[in-house]
Amino acid sequence: MLKNMLHVPLVEFRSATKPFSAKRRELKKALLAYEGGFLSIESGELTVVMRAEGDWCGRAQFAPDILRALATVPPNQNPVTISYADGHLLV
């Protein structure tokens, strides 16, 4: 398995990221981290956690607009695959 690649059940991804889709919520730079089978995404004062499988080293930062887009129109694939390499987040 590649470094910095996670698989998240689609139903969990949709449920966990839903709070980020609220238009009145001000989002800050997003931070993604993985430890012990759980993926966390943080933006400002809001942090969500979901089950995930894979291999991840460190943390990934990305723009709040990307987080809002993923929460508003989540991917259709199950599981959702998330990877990070060379400063780019791929979902």
Protein backbone atom coordinates (compact mmCIF):
# COMPACT_ATOMS: atom_id res chain seq x y z
CA MET A 1 0.00 0.00 0.00
CA LEU A 2 1.25 3.50 -0.83
CA LYS A 3 2.23 5.96 1.88
CA ASN A 4 -0.35 8.62 2.62
CA MET A 5 -3.33 6.75 1.23
CA LEU A 6 -6.51 6.17 3.21
CA HIS A 7 -9.83 4.47 2.52
CA VAL A 8 -12.96 5.78 4.25
CA PRO A 9 -16.43 4.18 4.03
CA LEU A 10 -18.58 6.51 1.93
CA VAL A 11 -21.42 6.68 4.46
CA GLU A 12 -18.98 7.76 7.20
CA PHE A 13 -17.30 10.33 4.97
CA ARG A 14 -20.64 11.92 4.04
CA SER A 15 -21.88 11.98 7.62
CA ALA A 16 -18.66 13.28 9.17
CA THR A 17 -18.00 16.05 6.63
CA LYS A 18 -21.59 17.37 6.49
CA PRO A 19 -20.99 20.12 9.12
CA PHE A 20 -18.39 21.70 6.81
CA SER A 21 -21.01 22.30 4.09
CA ALA A 22 -22.94 24.96 6.06
CA LYS A 23 -22.54 28.22 4.11
CA ARG A 24 -22.73 30.39 7.22
CA ARG A 25 -19.87 28.48 8.88
CA GLU A 26 -16.54 30.25 8.43
CA LEU A 27 -13.88 27.67 7.61
CA LYS A 28 -10.16 28.10 8.17
CA LYS A 29 -7.30 26.17 6.59
CA ALA A 30 -8.15 22.47 6.87
CA LEU A 31 -5.88 20.00 8.63
CA LEU A 32 -6.15 16.25 8.03
CA ALA A 33 -4.50 13.68 10.32
CA TYR A 34 -4.74 9.90 10.79
CA GLU A 35 -3.95 7.81 13.84
CA GLY A 36 -5.09 4.47 15.22
CA GLY A 37 -7.70 3.79 12.55
CA PHE A 38 -9.31 7.21 12.75
CA LEU A 39 -9.11 10.11 10.31
CA SER A 40 -9.67 13.60 11.70
CA ILE A 41 -10.34 16.78 9.75
CA GLU A 42 -10.11 20.11 11.52
CA SER A 43 -11.02 23.59 10.32
CA GLY A 44 -11.19 26.44 12.80
CA GLU A 45 -13.03 25.28 15.91
CA LEU A 46 -14.69 22.30 14.21
CA THR A 47 -13.11 18.84 14.21
CA VAL A 48 -14.72 15.69 12.81
CA VAL A 49 -13.54 12.09 13.13
CA MET A 50 -14.29 9.03 11.00
CA ARG A 51 -13.03 5.45 10.68
CA ALA A 52 -10.40 4.86 7.99
CA GLU A 53 -7.87 2.28 6.86
CA GLY A 54 -4.51 2.79 5.27
CA ASP A 55 -1.11 4.29 5.81
CA TRP A 56 -0.54 7.95 6.60
CA CYS A 57 2.50 9.83 7.88
CA GLY A 58 2.16 13.33 9.25
CA ARG A 59 -0.57 15.82 8.46
CA ALA A 60 -1.98 17.39 5.33
CA GLN A 61 -3.14 20.99 5.08
CA PHE A 62 -5.47 22.24 2.37
CA ALA A 63 -7.70 25.17 1.50
CA PRO A 64 -11.07 25.57 3.23
CA ASP A 65 -12.77 25.91 -0.18
CA ILE A 66 -11.73 22.35 -1.02
CA LEU A 67 -13.11 21.09 2.28
CA ARG A 68 -16.45 22.85 1.71
CA ALA A 69 -16.66 21.45 -1.84
CA LEU A 70 -15.99 17.89 -0.61
CA ALA A 71 -18.62 18.28 2.11
CA THR A 72 -21.21 19.80 -0.23
CA VAL A 73 -20.73 17.32 -3.10
CA PRO A 74 -18.97 14.24 -1.66
CA PRO A 75 -17.39 11.67 -3.98
CA ASN A 76 -19.55 8.73 -5.09
CA GLN A 77 -16.91 6.03 -4.82
CA ASN A 78 -17.06 3.59 -1.93
CA PRO A 79 -14.74 3.59 -0.15
CA VAL A 80 -13.56 7.17 -0.56
CA THR A 81 -9.82 7.13 -1.28
CA ILE A 82 -7.74 10.00 0.06
CA SER A 83 -4.07 10.43 -0.77
CA TYR A 84 -1.50 13.19 -0.31
CA ALA A 85 1.76 13.61 -2.18
CA ASP A 86 3.99 16.50 -3.20
CA GLY A 87 1.69 19.01 -1.51
CA HIS A 88 -1.44 17.80 -3.34
CA LEU A 89 -4.52 16.23 -1.79
CA LEU A 90 -6.32 13.72 -4.01
CA VAL A 91 -9.82 12.48 -3.19
